[in-house]
Amino acid sequence: MSQQDFIIWVFCWVEDNLTELQQGTRLRSRGSPPKLGDAEVITIEVIGEYLGFSTDKGIWTYFCHHWREWFPGLGSRANFAKQASNLWVIKQKLQEKLAILLGALDRPVHIIDGFPLPVCGFKRAKGSANFKGQADYGYCAAKNETYYGFKGHLMIDETGVLTGITLTPASVSEREAAWDLAAPDKRVSAR
């Protein structure tokens, strides 16, 4: 499949499923609609991630230079990043729908792993007012460091399809987060 065909396929899938998820409701209650459609923003992000770009700036720059004629409403990077971040709930629902479509939730084996999400530098943690009462101290064995913040937990099936994500204080282990990740479909046994 050529890159052009892939972009078209992703856009069509996102547009169809976005329309189905919205069920006639508007995402925005005020202001004028953005020049770049929500399906276009999500398509740009998906294609950009697939191509290996991991930042909004990298994705935006690539599409400005190579695909501007396909996305004429692509404005400033700041507006693109704001619109993309405001669509996080929709993107999460689309990801869940894709996992169901791929049969990832029905597979017998799932893997859970955690990664650190520091809020600030370790030395500044004591005076930090950010997320007070929510963030905590934790240790990351892979990086051999103690940090202050949160821990993200991902659950994937054996083929690598994301099936769950949760956020906990840094002191929480993957074993405790497993119950949050598996709670919607009760896949984890208590053995």
C-alpha atoms as a PDB file:
ATOM      1  CA  MET A   1       0.000   0.000   0.000  1.00  0.00           C
ATOM      2  CA  SER A   2       1.410   3.393  -0.954  1.00  0.00           C
ATOM      3  CA  GLN A   3       1.700   6.170   1.598  1.00  0.00           C
ATOM      4  CA  GLN A   4      -1.062   8.109  -0.166  1.00  0.00           C
ATOM      5  CA  ASP A   5      -3.413   5.127  -0.001  1.00  0.00           C
ATOM      6  CA  PHE A   6      -2.533   4.622   3.672  1.00  0.00           C
ATOM      7  CA  ILE A   7      -3.358   8.261   4.489  1.00  0.00           C
ATOM      8  CA  ILE A   8      -6.672   7.948   2.637  1.00  0.00           C
ATOM      9  CA  TRP A   9      -7.534   4.674   4.403  1.00  0.00           C
ATOM     10  CA  VAL A  10      -6.712   6.073   7.864  1.00  0.00           C
ATOM     11  CA  PHE A  11      -8.698   9.247   7.185  1.00  0.00           C
ATOM     12  CA  CYS A  12     -11.746   7.294   5.995  1.00  0.00           C
ATOM     13  CA  TRP A  13     -11.623   4.951   9.012  1.00  0.00           C
ATOM     14  CA  VAL A  14     -11.242   7.854  11.457  1.00  0.00           C
ATOM     15  CA  GLU A  15     -13.979   9.904   9.763  1.00  0.00           C
ATOM     16  CA  ASP A  16     -16.466   7.003   9.753  1.00  0.00           C
ATOM     17  CA  ASN A  17     -15.830   6.074  13.377  1.00  0.00           C
ATOM     18  CA  LEU A  18     -15.709   9.686  14.561  1.00  0.00           C
ATOM     19  CA  THR A  19     -19.138  10.285  13.041  1.00  0.00           C
ATOM     20  CA  GLU A  20     -20.425   7.141  14.751  1.00  0.00           C
ATOM     21  CA  LEU A  21     -18.963   8.184  18.129  1.00  0.00           C
ATOM     22  CA  GLN A  22     -20.393  11.699  17.945  1.00  0.00           C
ATOM     23  CA  GLN A  23     -23.922  10.481  17.107  1.00  0.00           C
ATOM     24  CA  GLY A  24     -24.916  13.951  15.935  1.00  0.00           C
ATOM     25  CA  THR A  25     -23.588  15.812  18.996  1.00  0.00           C
ATOM     26  CA  ARG A  26     -21.165  18.696  18.602  1.00  0.00           C
ATOM     27  CA  LEU A  27     -17.748  18.537  20.254  1.00  0.00           C
ATOM     28  CA  ARG A  28     -17.539  22.315  20.643  1.00  0.00           C
ATOM     29  CA  SER A  29     -20.291  24.446  22.107  1.00  0.00           C
ATOM     30  CA  ARG A  30     -18.718  27.879  21.493  1.00  0.00           C
ATOM     31  CA  GLY A  31     -16.650  29.676  18.924  1.00  0.00           C
ATOM     32  CA  SER A  32     -16.109  29.076  15.275  1.00  0.00           C
ATOM     33  CA  PRO A  33     -15.135  25.603  14.110  1.00  0.00           C
ATOM     34  CA  PRO A  34     -11.420  25.040  13.459  1.00  0.00           C
ATOM     35  CA  LYS A  35     -10.163  25.221   9.873  1.00  0.00           C
ATOM     36  CA  LEU A  36      -8.696  21.738  10.161  1.00  0.00           C
ATOM     37  CA  GLY A  37     -11.281  19.041  10.831  1.00  0.00           C
ATOM     38  CA  ASP A  38     -10.996  16.738  13.832  1.00  0.00           C
ATOM     39  CA  ALA A  39     -10.692  13.681  11.584  1.00  0.00           C
ATOM     40  CA  GLU A  40      -7.832  15.405   9.752  1.00  0.00           C
ATOM     41  CA  VAL A  41      -6.003  16.169  13.016  1.00  0.00           C
ATOM     42  CA  ILE A  42      -6.317  12.584  14.237  1.00  0.00           C
ATOM     43  CA  THR A  43      -5.236  11.267  10.826  1.00  0.00           C
ATOM     44  CA  ILE A  44      -2.170  13.515  10.845  1.00  0.00           C
ATOM     45  CA  GLU A  45      -1.243  12.292  14.333  1.00  0.00           C
ATOM     46  CA  VAL A  46      -1.723   8.607  13.485  1.00  0.00           C
ATOM     47  CA  ILE A  47       0.288   8.845  10.260  1.00  0.00           C
ATOM     48  CA  GLY A  48       2.980  10.928  11.970  1.00  0.00           C
ATOM     49  CA  GLU A  49       3.369   8.395  14.785  1.00  0.00           C
ATOM     50  CA  TYR A  50       3.433   5.560  12.251  1.00  0.00           C
ATOM     51  CA  LEU A  51       6.251   7.344  10.396  1.00  0.00           C
ATOM     52  CA  GLY A  52       8.253   7.632  13.630  1.00  0.00           C
ATOM     53  CA  PHE A  53       7.640  11.240  14.648  1.00  0.00           C
ATOM     54  CA  SER A  54       7.115  11.409  18.399  1.00  0.00           C
ATOM     55  CA  THR A  55       6.479  15.137  18.889  1.00  0.00           C
ATOM     56  CA  ASP A  56       3.762  17.517  17.743  1.00  0.00           C
ATOM     57  CA  LYS A  57       6.444  19.724  16.229  1.00  0.00           C
ATOM     58  CA  GLY A  58       7.932  16.879  14.186  1.00  0.00           C
ATOM     59  CA  ILE A  59       4.530  15.746  12.918  1.00  0.00           C
ATOM     60  CA  TRP A  60       3.402  19.290  12.105  1.00  0.00           C
ATOM     61  CA  THR A  61       6.657  20.137  10.305  1.00  0.00           C
ATOM     62  CA  TYR A  62       6.526  16.966   8.203  1.00  0.00           C
ATOM     63  CA  PHE A  63       2.932  17.553   7.104  1.00  0.00           C
ATOM     64  CA  CYS A  64       3.559  21.259   6.399  1.00  0.00           C
ATOM     65  CA  HIS A  65       6.462  20.393   4.097  1.00  0.00           C
ATOM     66  CA  HIS A  66       5.131  17.255   2.402  1.00  0.00           C
ATOM     67  CA  TRP A  67       1.335  17.128   2.577  1.00  0.00           C
ATOM     68  CA  ARG A  68       0.142  20.765   2.774  1.00  0.00           C
ATOM     69  CA  GLU A  69      -2.004  20.385  -0.370  1.00  0.00           C
ATOM     70  CA  TRP A  70      -3.892  17.474   1.237  1.00  0.00           C
ATOM     71  CA  PHE A  71      -4.455  19.403   4.483  1.00  0.00           C
ATOM     72  CA  PRO A  72      -4.930  23.062   3.452  1.00  0.00           C
ATOM     73  CA  GLY A  73      -6.465  23.976   6.820  1.00  0.00           C
ATOM     74  CA  LEU A  74      -3.247  23.075   8.669  1.00  0.00           C
ATOM     75  CA  GLY A  75      -2.424  26.324  10.435  1.00  0.00           C
ATOM     76  CA  SER A  76       0.089  27.146  13.134  1.00  0.00           C
ATOM     77  CA  ARG A  77       1.773  24.478  15.200  1.00  0.00           C
ATOM     78  CA  ALA A  78       0.272  25.880  18.407  1.00  0.00           C
ATOM     79  CA  ASN A  79      -3.290  25.604  17.091  1.00  0.00           C
ATOM     80  CA  PHE A  80      -2.613  22.105  15.757  1.00  0.00           C
ATOM     81  CA  ALA A  81      -1.199  20.997  19.133  1.00  0.00           C
ATOM     82  CA  LYS A  82      -4.137  22.514  21.058  1.00  0.00           C
ATOM     83  CA  GLN A  83      -6.720  20.900  18.817  1.00  0.00           C
ATOM     84  CA  ALA A  84      -4.921  17.545  18.975  1.00  0.00           C
ATOM     85  CA  SER A  85      -4.682  17.609  22.771  1.00  0.00           C
ATOM     86  CA  ASN A  86      -8.356  18.570  23.134  1.00  0.00           C
ATOM     87  CA  LEU A  87      -9.333  15.430  21.215  1.00  0.00           C
ATOM     88  CA  TRP A  88      -7.809  13.023  23.764  1.00  0.00           C
ATOM     89  CA  VAL A  89     -11.158  11.508  24.790  1.00  0.00           C
ATOM     90  CA  ILE A  90     -12.118  10.864  21.168  1.00  0.00           C
ATOM     91  CA  LYS A  91      -8.688   9.367  20.431  1.00  0.00           C
ATOM     92  CA  GLN A  92      -9.023   7.073  23.445  1.00  0.00           C
ATOM     93  CA  LYS A  93     -12.435   5.856  22.261  1.00  0.00           C
ATOM     94  CA  LEU A  94     -11.097   5.300  18.737  1.00  0.00           C
ATOM     95  CA  GLN A  95      -8.191   3.298  20.180  1.00  0.00           C
ATOM     96  CA  GLU A  96     -10.611   1.127  22.187  1.00  0.00           C
ATOM     97  CA  LYS A  97     -12.680   0.571  19.059  1.00  0.00           C
ATOM     98  CA  LEU A  98      -9.566  -0.418  17.111  1.00  0.00           C
ATOM     99  CA  ALA A  99      -8.518  -2.858  19.860  1.00  0.00           C
ATOM    100  CA  ILE A 100     -11.946  -4.508  19.684  1.00  0.00           C
ATOM    101  CA  LEU A 101     -11.779  -4.621  15.887  1.00  0.00           C
ATOM    102  CA  LEU A 102      -8.378  -6.334  16.060  1.00  0.00           C
ATOM    103  CA  GLY A 103      -9.635  -8.834  18.660  1.00  0.00           C
ATOM    104  CA  ALA A 104      -7.045  -7.717  21.213  1.00  0.00           C
ATOM    105  CA  LEU A 105      -9.446  -7.821  24.160  1.00  0.00           C
ATOM    106  CA  ASP A 106     -10.283 -11.480  23.511  1.00  0.00           C
ATOM    107  CA  ARG A 107      -6.696 -12.715  23.514  1.00  0.00           C
ATOM    108  CA  PRO A 108      -5.637 -14.838  26.515  1.00  0.00           C
ATOM    109  CA  VAL A 109      -2.280 -13.186  27.249  1.00  0.00           C
ATOM    110  CA  HIS A 110      -1.789  -9.550  28.225  1.00  0.00           C
ATOM    111  CA  ILE A 111       1.355  -7.798  29.449  1.00  0.00           C
ATOM    112  CA  ILE A 112       1.418  -4.856  31.858  1.00  0.00           C
ATOM    113  CA  ASP A 113       4.367  -2.521  32.205  1.00  0.00           C
ATOM    114  CA  GLY A 114       4.903   0.783  33.963  1.00  0.00           C
ATOM    115  CA  PHE A 115       6.959   3.830  33.098  1.00  0.00           C
ATOM    116  CA  PRO A 116       7.897   6.902  35.153  1.00  0.00           C
ATOM    117  CA  LEU A 117       6.218  10.272  34.632  1.00  0.00           C
ATOM    118  CA  PRO A 118       8.184  12.727  36.780  1.00  0.00           C
ATOM    119  CA  VAL A 119       6.406  15.968  37.700  1.00  0.00           C
ATOM    120  CA  CYS A 120       9.594  17.864  38.492  1.00  0.00           C
ATOM    121  CA  GLY A 121      13.247  17.257  39.289  1.00  0.00           C
ATOM    122  CA  PHE A 122      13.871  15.129  42.381  1.00  0.00           C
ATOM    123  CA  LYS A 123      15.557  17.972  44.303  1.00  0.00           C
ATOM    124  CA  ARG A 124      12.621  20.305  43.667  1.00  0.00           C
ATOM    125  CA  ALA A 125       9.969  17.787  44.716  1.00  0.00           C
ATOM    126  CA  LYS A 126       9.805  18.912  48.346  1.00  0.00           C
ATOM    127  CA  GLY A 127       8.818  22.463  47.404  1.00  0.00           C
ATOM    128  CA  SER A 128       6.652  21.554  44.439  1.00  0.00           C
ATOM    129  CA  ALA A 129       3.001  22.526  44.646  1.00  0.00           C
ATOM    130  CA  ASN A 130       2.143  20.627  41.467  1.00  0.00           C
ATOM    131  CA  PHE A 131      -0.147  17.661  42.085  1.00  0.00           C
ATOM    132  CA  LYS A 132       0.289  17.866  45.870  1.00  0.00           C
ATOM    133  CA  GLY A 133      -1.545  14.941  47.437  1.00  0.00           C
ATOM    134  CA  GLN A 134      -1.718  13.061  44.134  1.00  0.00           C
ATOM    135  CA  ALA A 135       1.907  12.574  43.074  1.00  0.00           C
ATOM    136  CA  ASP A 136       4.303  10.472  45.150  1.00  0.00           C
ATOM    137  CA  TYR A 137       7.908   9.281  45.269  1.00  0.00           C
ATOM    138  CA  GLY A 138       8.763   6.187  43.289  1.00  0.00           C
ATOM    139  CA  TYR A 139      11.722   4.209  42.015  1.00  0.00           C
ATOM    140  CA  CYS A 140      12.393   3.212  38.416  1.00  0.00           C
ATOM    141  CA  ALA A 141      14.694   0.182  38.281  1.00  0.00           C
ATOM    142  CA  ALA A 142      15.285   0.498  34.524  1.00  0.00           C
ATOM    143  CA  LYS A 143      16.658   4.016  34.931  1.00  0.00           C
ATOM    144  CA  ASN A 144      18.042   3.364  38.416  1.00  0.00           C
ATOM    145  CA  GLU A 145      16.528   6.571  39.770  1.00  0.00           C
ATOM    146  CA  THR A 146      14.123   7.808  42.385  1.00  0.00           C
ATOM    147  CA  TYR A 147      11.642  10.384  41.136  1.00  0.00           C
ATOM    148  CA  TYR A 148       8.604  12.388  42.204  1.00  0.00           C
ATOM    149  CA  GLY A 149       5.465  12.137  40.104  1.00  0.00           C
ATOM    150  CA  PHE A 150       3.289   9.459  38.600  1.00  0.00           C
ATOM    151  CA  LYS A 151       3.626   6.104  36.944  1.00  0.00           C
ATOM    152  CA  GLY A 152       1.881   5.269  33.698  1.00  0.00           C
ATOM    153  CA  HIS A 153       0.799   1.667  33.216  1.00  0.00           C
ATOM    154  CA  LEU A 154       0.127   0.147  29.803  1.00  0.00           C
ATOM    155  CA  MET A 155      -1.495  -3.181  29.060  1.00  0.00           C
ATOM    156  CA  ILE A 156      -0.923  -4.798  25.670  1.00  0.00           C
ATOM    157  CA  ASP A 157      -1.866  -8.137  24.170  1.00  0.00           C
ATOM    158  CA  GLU A 158       0.725 -10.609  22.873  1.00  0.00           C
ATOM    159  CA  THR A 159       0.792  -8.932  19.441  1.00  0.00           C
ATOM    160  CA  GLY A 160       1.468  -5.473  20.898  1.00  0.00           C
ATOM    161  CA  VAL A 161      -1.988  -3.917  20.587  1.00  0.00           C
ATOM    162  CA  LEU A 162      -2.703  -1.473  23.410  1.00  0.00           C
ATOM    163  CA  THR A 163      -5.659  -2.696  25.465  1.00  0.00           C
ATOM    164  CA  GLY A 164      -5.499  -0.480  28.556  1.00  0.00           C
ATOM    165  CA  ILE A 165      -3.807   2.496  30.160  1.00  0.00           C
ATOM    166  CA  THR A 166      -3.956   3.994  33.638  1.00  0.00           C
ATOM    167  CA  LEU A 167      -2.112   6.561  35.726  1.00  0.00           C
ATOM    168  CA  THR A 168      -1.172   6.061  39.392  1.00  0.00           C
ATOM    169  CA  PRO A 169       1.080   7.728  41.970  1.00  0.00           C
ATOM    170  CA  ALA A 170       4.729   6.732  41.455  1.00  0.00           C
ATOM    171  CA  SER A 171       4.760   4.434  44.488  1.00  0.00           C
ATOM    172  CA  VAL A 172       2.099   2.077  43.052  1.00  0.00           C
ATOM    173  CA  SER A 173       3.340  -1.170  41.484  1.00  0.00           C
ATOM    174  CA  GLU A 174       2.131  -2.860  38.312  1.00  0.00           C
ATOM    175  CA  ARG A 175       0.447  -5.562  40.391  1.00  0.00           C
ATOM    176  CA  GLU A 176      -1.889  -3.033  42.003  1.00  0.00           C
ATOM    177  CA  ALA A 177      -2.523  -1.228  38.706  1.00  0.00           C
ATOM    178  CA  ALA A 178      -3.457  -4.535  37.038  1.00  0.00           C
ATOM    179  CA  TRP A 179      -6.858  -4.461  38.729  1.00  0.00           C
ATOM    180  CA  ASP A 180      -7.609  -0.994  37.336  1.00  0.00           C
ATOM    181  CA  LEU A 181      -6.521  -2.056  33.868  1.00  0.00           C
ATOM    182  CA  ALA A 182      -8.519  -5.274  33.828  1.00  0.00           C
ATOM    183  CA  ALA A 183     -11.592  -4.065  35.729  1.00  0.00           C
ATOM    184  CA  PRO A 184     -13.764  -3.208  32.709  1.00  0.00           C
ATOM    185  CA  ASP A 185     -13.721  -6.748  31.342  1.00  0.00           C
ATOM    186  CA  LYS A 186     -12.543  -8.817  34.333  1.00  0.00           C
ATOM    187  CA  ARG A 187      -9.825 -10.670  32.412  1.00  0.00           C
ATOM    188  CA  VAL A 188      -7.316 -11.027  35.242  1.00  0.00           C
ATOM    189  CA  SER A 189      -7.619 -13.970  37.590  1.00  0.00           C
ATOM    190  CA  ALA A 190      -6.763 -13.674  41.280  1.00  0.00           C
ATOM    191  CA  ARG A 191      -4.320 -16.601  41.296  1.00  0.00           C
END
